[in-house]
PDB file of all heavy atoms in Angstrom:
ATOM      1  N   SER A   1      35.180   4.213  44.259  1.00  0.00           N
ATOM      2  CA  SER A   1      35.273   2.799  43.816  1.00  0.00           C
ATOM      3  C   SER A   1      34.620   2.662  42.424  1.00  0.00           C
ATOM      4  O   SER A   1      35.114   1.896  41.598  1.00  0.00           O
ATOM      5  CB  SER A   1      34.467   1.933  44.789  1.00  0.00           C
ATOM      6  OG  SER A   1      35.156   1.893  46.056  1.00  0.00           O
ATOM      7  N   LEU A   2      33.442   3.311  42.178  1.00  0.00           N
ATOM      8  CA  LEU A   2      32.858   3.248  40.844  1.00  0.00           C
ATOM      9  C   LEU A   2      33.782   3.836  39.782  1.00  0.00           C
ATOM     10  O   LEU A   2      33.810   3.289  38.656  1.00  0.00           O
ATOM     11  CB  LEU A   2      31.485   3.978  40.856  1.00  0.00           C
ATOM     12  CG  LEU A   2      30.349   3.376  41.756  1.00  0.00           C
ATOM     13  CD1 LEU A   2      29.166   4.355  41.793  1.00  0.00           C
ATOM     14  CD2 LEU A   2      29.880   2.101  41.015  1.00  0.00           C
ATOM     15  N   ASP A   3      34.361   4.887  40.157  1.00  0.00           N
ATOM     16  CA  ASP A   3      35.422   5.492  39.193  1.00  0.00           C
ATOM     17  C   ASP A   3      36.525   4.532  38.855  1.00  0.00           C
ATOM     18  O   ASP A   3      36.929   4.396  37.719  1.00  0.00           O
ATOM     19  CB  ASP A   3      35.931   6.851  39.854  1.00  0.00           C
ATOM     20  CG  ASP A   3      36.810   7.598  38.777  1.00  0.00           C
ATOM     21  OD1 ASP A   3      36.638   7.451  37.660  1.00  0.00           O
ATOM     22  OD2 ASP A   3      37.774   8.206  39.326  1.00  0.00           O
ATOM     23  N   ARG A   4      37.014   3.853  39.875  1.00  0.00           N
ATOM     24  CA  ARG A   4      38.161   2.970  39.650  1.00  0.00           C
ATOM     25  C   ARG A   4      37.811   1.790  38.777  1.00  0.00           C
ATOM     26  O   ARG A   4      38.728   1.320  38.045  1.00  0.00           O
ATOM     27  CB  ARG A   4      38.634   2.436  41.019  1.00  0.00           C
ATOM     28  CG  ARG A   4      39.449   3.460  41.751  1.00  0.00           C
ATOM     29  CD  ARG A   4      39.676   3.027  43.310  1.00  0.00           C
ATOM     30  NE  ARG A   4      40.521   1.800  43.275  1.00  0.00           N
ATOM     31  CZ  ARG A   4      40.681   1.087  44.401  1.00  0.00           C
ATOM     32  NH1 ARG A   4      40.082   1.378  45.473  1.00  0.00           N
ATOM     33  NH2 ARG A   4      41.444  -0.065  44.362  1.00  0.00           N
ATOM     34  N   VAL A   5      36.629   1.334  38.794  1.00  0.00           N
ATOM     35  CA  VAL A   5      36.217   0.167  37.950  1.00  0.00           C
ATOM     36  C   VAL A   5      35.823   0.645  36.546  1.00  0.00           C
ATOM     37  O   VAL A   5      35.506  -0.188  35.685  1.00  0.00           O
ATOM     38  CB  VAL A   5      35.142  -0.693  38.561  1.00  0.00           C
ATOM     39  CG1 VAL A   5      35.608  -1.237  39.860  1.00  0.00           C
ATOM     40  CG2 VAL A   5      33.812   0.089  38.692  1.00  0.00           C
ATOM     41  N   GLY A   6      35.621   1.909  36.336  1.00  0.00           N
ATOM     42  CA  GLY A   6      35.362   2.436  35.057  1.00  0.00           C
ATOM     43  C   GLY A   6      33.834   2.798  34.779  1.00  0.00           C
ATOM     44  O   GLY A   6      33.423   3.013  33.646  1.00  0.00           O
ATOM     45  N   ALA A   7      33.153   2.921  35.882  1.00  0.00           N
ATOM     46  CA  ALA A   7      31.697   3.244  35.735  1.00  0.00           C
ATOM     47  C   ALA A   7      31.368   4.658  35.099  1.00  0.00           C
ATOM     48  O   ALA A   7      30.403   4.932  34.520  1.00  0.00           O
ATOM     49  CB  ALA A   7      31.016   3.231  37.073  1.00  0.00           C
ATOM     50  N   PHE A   8      32.400   5.552  35.272  1.00  0.00           N
ATOM     51  CA  PHE A   8      32.219   6.923  34.665  1.00  0.00           C
ATOM     52  C   PHE A   8      33.070   7.143  33.432  1.00  0.00           C
ATOM     53  O   PHE A   8      33.077   8.238  32.945  1.00  0.00           O
ATOM     54  CB  PHE A   8      32.782   7.973  35.711  1.00  0.00           C
ATOM     55  CG  PHE A   8      31.960   7.966  37.062  1.00  0.00           C
ATOM     56  CD1 PHE A   8      32.776   7.802  38.253  1.00  0.00           C
ATOM     57  CD2 PHE A   8      30.625   7.900  37.101  1.00  0.00           C
ATOM     58  CE1 PHE A   8      32.011   7.783  39.522  1.00  0.00           C
ATOM     59  CE2 PHE A   8      29.952   7.931  38.321  1.00  0.00           C
ATOM     60  CZ  PHE A   8      30.668   7.858  39.542  1.00  0.00           C
ATOM     61  N   ALA A   9      33.639   6.075  32.925  1.00  0.00           N
ATOM     62  CA  ALA A   9      34.509   6.201  31.742  1.00  0.00           C
ATOM     63  C   ALA A   9      33.748   6.839  30.538  1.00  0.00           C
ATOM     64  O   ALA A   9      34.296   7.578  29.706  1.00  0.00           O
ATOM     65  CB  ALA A   9      35.115   4.813  31.309  1.00  0.00           C
ATOM     66  N   SER A  10      32.457   6.526  30.478  1.00  0.00           N
ATOM     67  CA  SER A  10      31.688   6.988  29.218  1.00  0.00           C
ATOM     68  C   SER A  10      31.272   8.473  29.382  1.00  0.00           C
ATOM     69  O   SER A  10      30.929   8.997  28.291  1.00  0.00           O
ATOM     70  CB  SER A  10      30.347   6.132  29.071  1.00  0.00           C
ATOM     71  OG  SER A  10      29.489   6.312  30.240  1.00  0.00           O
ATOM     72  N   ILE A  11      31.454   9.037  30.549  1.00  0.00           N
ATOM     73  CA  ILE A  11      31.097  10.490  30.612  1.00  0.00           C
ATOM     74  C   ILE A  11      32.348  11.356  31.014  1.00  0.00           C
ATOM     75  O   ILE A  11      32.145  12.513  31.231  1.00  0.00           O
ATOM     76  CB  ILE A  11      29.985  10.706  31.649  1.00  0.00           C
ATOM     77  CG1 ILE A  11      30.354  10.231  32.995  1.00  0.00           C
ATOM     78  CG2 ILE A  11      28.680  10.023  31.143  1.00  0.00           C
ATOM     79  CD1 ILE A  11      29.338  10.576  34.078  1.00  0.00           C
ATOM     80  N   ILE A  12      33.442  10.779  31.063  1.00  0.00           N
ATOM     81  CA  ILE A  12      34.739  11.527  31.239  1.00  0.00           C
ATOM     82  C   ILE A  12      35.606  11.500  29.984  1.00  0.00           C
ATOM     83  O   ILE A  12      36.276  10.354  29.743  1.00  0.00           O
ATOM     84  CB  ILE A  12      35.500  11.037  32.491  1.00  0.00           C
ATOM     85  CG1 ILE A  12      34.613  11.083  33.762  1.00  0.00           C
ATOM     86  CG2 ILE A  12      36.817  11.818  32.686  1.00  0.00           C
ATOM     87  CD1 ILE A  12      35.337  10.507  35.036  1.00  0.00           C
ATOM     88  N   PRO A  13      35.635  12.442  29.215  1.00  0.00           N
ATOM     89  CA  PRO A  13      36.489  12.467  28.025  1.00  0.00           C
ATOM     90  C   PRO A  13      38.005  12.085  28.337  1.00  0.00           C
ATOM     91  O   PRO A  13      38.551  12.635  29.250  1.00  0.00           O
ATOM     92  CB  PRO A  13      36.339  13.857  27.496  1.00  0.00           C
ATOM     93  CG  PRO A  13      35.107  14.384  28.088  1.00  0.00           C
ATOM     94  CD  PRO A  13      35.017  13.781  29.374  1.00  0.00           C
ATOM     95  N   GLY A  14      38.527  11.269  27.447  1.00  0.00           N
ATOM     96  CA  GLY A  14      39.899  10.848  27.699  1.00  0.00           C
ATOM     97  C   GLY A  14      40.161   9.851  28.775  1.00  0.00           C
ATOM     98  O   GLY A  14      41.324   9.457  29.057  1.00  0.00           O
ATOM     99  N   SER A  15      39.067   9.356  29.339  1.00  0.00           N
ATOM    100  CA  SER A  15      39.220   8.398  30.472  1.00  0.00           C
ATOM    101  C   SER A  15      39.660   7.000  29.939  1.00  0.00           C
ATOM    102  O   SER A  15      39.327   6.677  28.804  1.00  0.00           O
ATOM    103  CB  SER A  15      37.902   8.275  31.258  1.00  0.00           C
ATOM    104  OG  SER A  15      38.063   7.387  32.303  1.00  0.00           O
ATOM    105  N   VAL A  16      40.396   6.314  30.758  1.00  0.00           N
ATOM    106  CA  VAL A  16      40.680   4.901  30.336  1.00  0.00           C
ATOM    107  C   VAL A  16      39.490   4.094  30.242  1.00  0.00           C
ATOM    108  O   VAL A  16      38.579   4.085  31.117  1.00  0.00           O
ATOM    109  CB  VAL A  16      41.597   4.249  31.515  1.00  0.00           C
ATOM    110  CG1 VAL A  16      41.824   2.800  31.156  1.00  0.00           C
ATOM    111  CG2 VAL A  16      42.884   5.074  31.594  1.00  0.00           C
ATOM    112  N   PRO A  17      39.185   3.359  29.123  1.00  0.00           N
ATOM    113  CA  PRO A  17      37.991   2.622  28.916  1.00  0.00           C
ATOM    114  C   PRO A  17      37.756   1.597  30.050  1.00  0.00           C
ATOM    115  O   PRO A  17      38.674   1.113  30.593  1.00  0.00           O
ATOM    116  CB  PRO A  17      38.171   1.917  27.587  1.00  0.00           C
ATOM    117  CG  PRO A  17      39.196   2.730  26.875  1.00  0.00           C
ATOM    118  CD  PRO A  17      40.125   3.296  27.947  1.00  0.00           C
ATOM    119  N   ALA A  18      36.495   1.315  30.355  1.00  0.00           N
ATOM    120  CA  ALA A  18      36.241   0.396  31.408  1.00  0.00           C
ATOM    121  C   ALA A  18      36.701  -1.015  31.127  1.00  0.00           C
ATOM    122  O   ALA A  18      36.937  -1.766  32.014  1.00  0.00           O
ATOM    123  CB  ALA A  18      34.672   0.335  31.649  1.00  0.00           C
ATOM    124  N   THR A  19      36.845  -1.364  29.799  1.00  0.00           N
ATOM    125  CA  THR A  19      37.304  -2.699  29.489  1.00  0.00           C
ATOM    126  C   THR A  19      38.807  -2.797  29.317  1.00  0.00           C
ATOM    127  O   THR A  19      39.345  -3.864  28.971  1.00  0.00           O
ATOM    128  CB  THR A  19      36.624  -3.115  28.118  1.00  0.00           C
ATOM    129  OG1 THR A  19      36.903  -2.090  27.170  1.00  0.00           O
ATOM    130  CG2 THR A  19      35.137  -3.235  28.257  1.00  0.00           C
ATOM    131  N   SER A  20      39.494  -1.700  29.631  1.00  0.00           N
ATOM    132  CA  SER A  20      40.987  -1.731  29.521  1.00  0.00           C
ATOM    133  C   SER A  20      41.625  -2.604  30.507  1.00  0.00           C
ATOM    134  O   SER A  20      41.205  -2.651  31.689  1.00  0.00           O
ATOM    135  CB  SER A  20      41.547  -0.267  29.558  1.00  0.00           C
ATOM    136  OG  SER A  20      42.938  -0.320  29.633  1.00  0.00           O
ATOM    137  N   GLU A  21      42.791  -3.218  30.174  1.00  0.00           N
ATOM    138  CA  GLU A  21      43.502  -4.066  31.091  1.00  0.00           C
ATOM    139  C   GLU A  21      44.078  -3.180  32.246  1.00  0.00           C
ATOM    140  O   GLU A  21      44.336  -3.727  33.315  1.00  0.00           O
ATOM    141  CB  GLU A  21      44.634  -4.747  30.395  1.00  0.00           C
ATOM    142  CG  GLU A  21      45.407  -5.798  31.157  1.00  0.00           C
ATOM    143  CD  GLU A  21      46.398  -6.525  30.417  1.00  0.00           C
ATOM    144  OE1 GLU A  21      46.095  -7.240  29.399  1.00  0.00           O
ATOM    145  OE2 GLU A  21      47.621  -6.347  30.792  1.00  0.00           O
ATOM    146  N   GLU A  22      44.289  -1.914  31.985  1.00  0.00           N
ATOM    147  CA  GLU A  22      44.760  -1.004  33.045  1.00  0.00           C
ATOM    148  C   GLU A  22      43.885  -1.009  34.278  1.00  0.00           C
ATOM    149  O   GLU A  22      44.284  -0.633  35.369  1.00  0.00           O
ATOM    150  CB  GLU A  22      44.917   0.422  32.462  1.00  0.00           C
ATOM    151  CG  GLU A  22      46.021   0.535  31.475  1.00  0.00           C
ATOM    152  CD  GLU A  22      46.169   1.945  30.936  1.00  0.00           C
ATOM    153  OE1 GLU A  22      46.091   2.955  31.804  1.00  0.00           O
ATOM    154  OE2 GLU A  22      46.330   2.120  29.703  1.00  0.00           O
ATOM    155  N   ARG A  23      42.534  -1.282  34.069  1.00  0.00           N
ATOM    156  CA  ARG A  23      41.642  -1.214  35.149  1.00  0.00           C
ATOM    157  C   ARG A  23      41.405  -2.577  35.827  1.00  0.00           C
ATOM    158  O   ARG A  23      40.672  -2.704  36.820  1.00  0.00           O
ATOM    159  CB  ARG A  23      40.228  -0.695  34.672  1.00  0.00           C
ATOM    160  CG  ARG A  23      40.286   0.718  34.197  1.00  0.00           C
ATOM    161  CD  ARG A  23      38.812   1.201  34.057  1.00  0.00           C
ATOM    162  NE  ARG A  23      38.744   2.556  33.585  1.00  0.00           N
ATOM    163  CZ  ARG A  23      38.757   3.624  34.307  1.00  0.00           C
ATOM    164  NH1 ARG A  23      38.801   3.481  35.650  1.00  0.00           N
ATOM    165  NH2 ARG A  23      38.571   4.838  33.835  1.00  0.00           N
ATOM    166  N   ARG A  24      42.040  -3.532  35.364  1.00  0.00           N
ATOM    167  CA  ARG A  24      41.789  -4.950  35.782  1.00  0.00           C
ATOM    168  C   ARG A  24      42.213  -5.130  37.316  1.00  0.00           C
ATOM    169  O   ARG A  24      41.450  -5.794  38.001  1.00  0.00           O
ATOM    170  CB  ARG A  24      42.550  -5.992  35.013  1.00  0.00           C
ATOM    171  CG  ARG A  24      42.095  -7.446  35.262  1.00  0.00           C
ATOM    172  CD  ARG A  24      42.874  -8.384  34.398  1.00  0.00           C
ATOM    173  NE  ARG A  24      42.640  -8.183  33.003  1.00  0.00           N
ATOM    174  CZ  ARG A  24      43.330  -8.761  32.045  1.00  0.00           C
ATOM    175  NH1 ARG A  24      44.351  -9.542  32.390  1.00  0.00           N
ATOM    176  NH2 ARG A  24      43.100  -8.594  30.800  1.00  0.00           N
ATOM    177  N   ARG A  25      43.217  -4.560  37.699  1.00  0.00           N
ATOM    178  CA  ARG A  25      43.652  -4.665  39.127  1.00  0.00           C
ATOM    179  C   ARG A  25      42.527  -4.138  40.035  1.00  0.00           C
ATOM    180  O   ARG A  25      42.137  -4.778  41.061  1.00  0.00           O
ATOM    181  CB  ARG A  25      44.930  -3.938  39.335  1.00  0.00           C
ATOM    182  CG  ARG A  25      45.596  -4.121  40.772  1.00  0.00           C
ATOM    183  CD  ARG A  25      46.945  -3.335  40.755  1.00  0.00           C
ATOM    184  NE  ARG A  25      47.802  -3.935  39.835  1.00  0.00           N
ATOM    185  CZ  ARG A  25      48.637  -4.968  40.000  1.00  0.00           C
ATOM    186  NH1 ARG A  25      48.672  -5.537  41.224  1.00  0.00           N
ATOM    187  NH2 ARG A  25      49.404  -5.357  39.071  1.00  0.00           N
ATOM    188  N   ASP A  26      42.043  -2.920  39.712  1.00  0.00           N
ATOM    189  CA  ASP A  26      40.971  -2.376  40.527  1.00  0.00           C
ATOM    190  C   ASP A  26      39.720  -3.093  40.470  1.00  0.00           C
ATOM    191  O   ASP A  26      39.022  -3.346  41.440  1.00  0.00           O
ATOM    192  CB  ASP A  26      40.770  -0.876  40.129  1.00  0.00           C
ATOM    193  CG  ASP A  26      41.834  -0.013  40.619  1.00  0.00           C
ATOM    194  OD1 ASP A  26      42.503  -0.237  41.588  1.00  0.00           O
ATOM    195  OD2 ASP A  26      42.042   1.059  39.905  1.00  0.00           O
ATOM    196  N   GLN A  27      39.381  -3.673  39.258  1.00  0.00           N
ATOM    197  CA  GLN A  27      38.184  -4.358  39.065  1.00  0.00           C
ATOM    198  C   GLN A  27      38.200  -5.693  39.837  1.00  0.00           C
ATOM    199  O   GLN A  27      37.265  -6.181  40.478  1.00  0.00           O
ATOM    200  CB  GLN A  27      37.942  -4.600  37.574  1.00  0.00           C
ATOM    201  CG  GLN A  27      37.516  -3.387  36.899  1.00  0.00           C
ATOM    202  CD  GLN A  27      37.504  -3.454  35.423  1.00  0.00           C
ATOM    203  OE1 GLN A  27      37.902  -4.513  34.782  1.00  0.00           O
ATOM    204  NE2 GLN A  27      36.959  -2.436  34.583  1.00  0.00           N
ATOM    205  N   ALA A  28      39.423  -6.313  39.772  1.00  0.00           N
ATOM    206  CA  ALA A  28      39.555  -7.586  40.490  1.00  0.00           C
ATOM    207  C   ALA A  28      39.415  -7.414  42.040  1.00  0.00           C
ATOM    208  O   ALA A  28      38.846  -8.256  42.750  1.00  0.00           O
ATOM    209  CB  ALA A  28      40.894  -8.254  40.251  1.00  0.00           C
ATOM    210  N   GLU A  29      39.956  -6.274  42.493  1.00  0.00           N
ATOM    211  CA  GLU A  29      39.828  -5.973  43.918  1.00  0.00           C
ATOM    212  C   GLU A  29      38.378  -5.594  44.390  1.00  0.00           C
ATOM    213  O   GLU A  29      37.973  -6.043  45.402  1.00  0.00           O
ATOM    214  CB  GLU A  29      40.731  -4.767  44.255  1.00  0.00           C
ATOM    215  CG  GLU A  29      40.646  -4.333  45.743  1.00  0.00           C
ATOM    216  CD  GLU A  29      41.476  -3.182  46.029  1.00  0.00           C
ATOM    217  OE1 GLU A  29      42.344  -2.815  45.207  1.00  0.00           O
ATOM    218  OE2 GLU A  29      41.311  -2.556  47.087  1.00  0.00           O
ATOM    219  N   LEU A  30      37.744  -4.864  43.486  1.00  0.00           N
ATOM    220  CA  LEU A  30      36.363  -4.358  43.950  1.00  0.00           C
ATOM    221  C   LEU A  30      35.144  -5.113  43.365  1.00  0.00           C
ATOM    222  O   LEU A  30      34.026  -4.917  43.839  1.00  0.00           O
ATOM    223  CB  LEU A  30      36.324  -2.906  43.401  1.00  0.00           C
ATOM    224  CG  LEU A  30      37.254  -1.893  44.046  1.00  0.00           C
ATOM    225  CD1 LEU A  30      37.279  -0.599  43.322  1.00  0.00           C
ATOM    226  CD2 LEU A  30      36.977  -1.701  45.538  1.00  0.00           C
TER     227      LEU A  30
END
């Protein structure tokens, strides 16, 4: 769940940024 909302984005190279719209669906759910 933490991964889906972007909590690890800063320590995973190439990860989708936590503020990206791509993560909004998971963030809205969680």
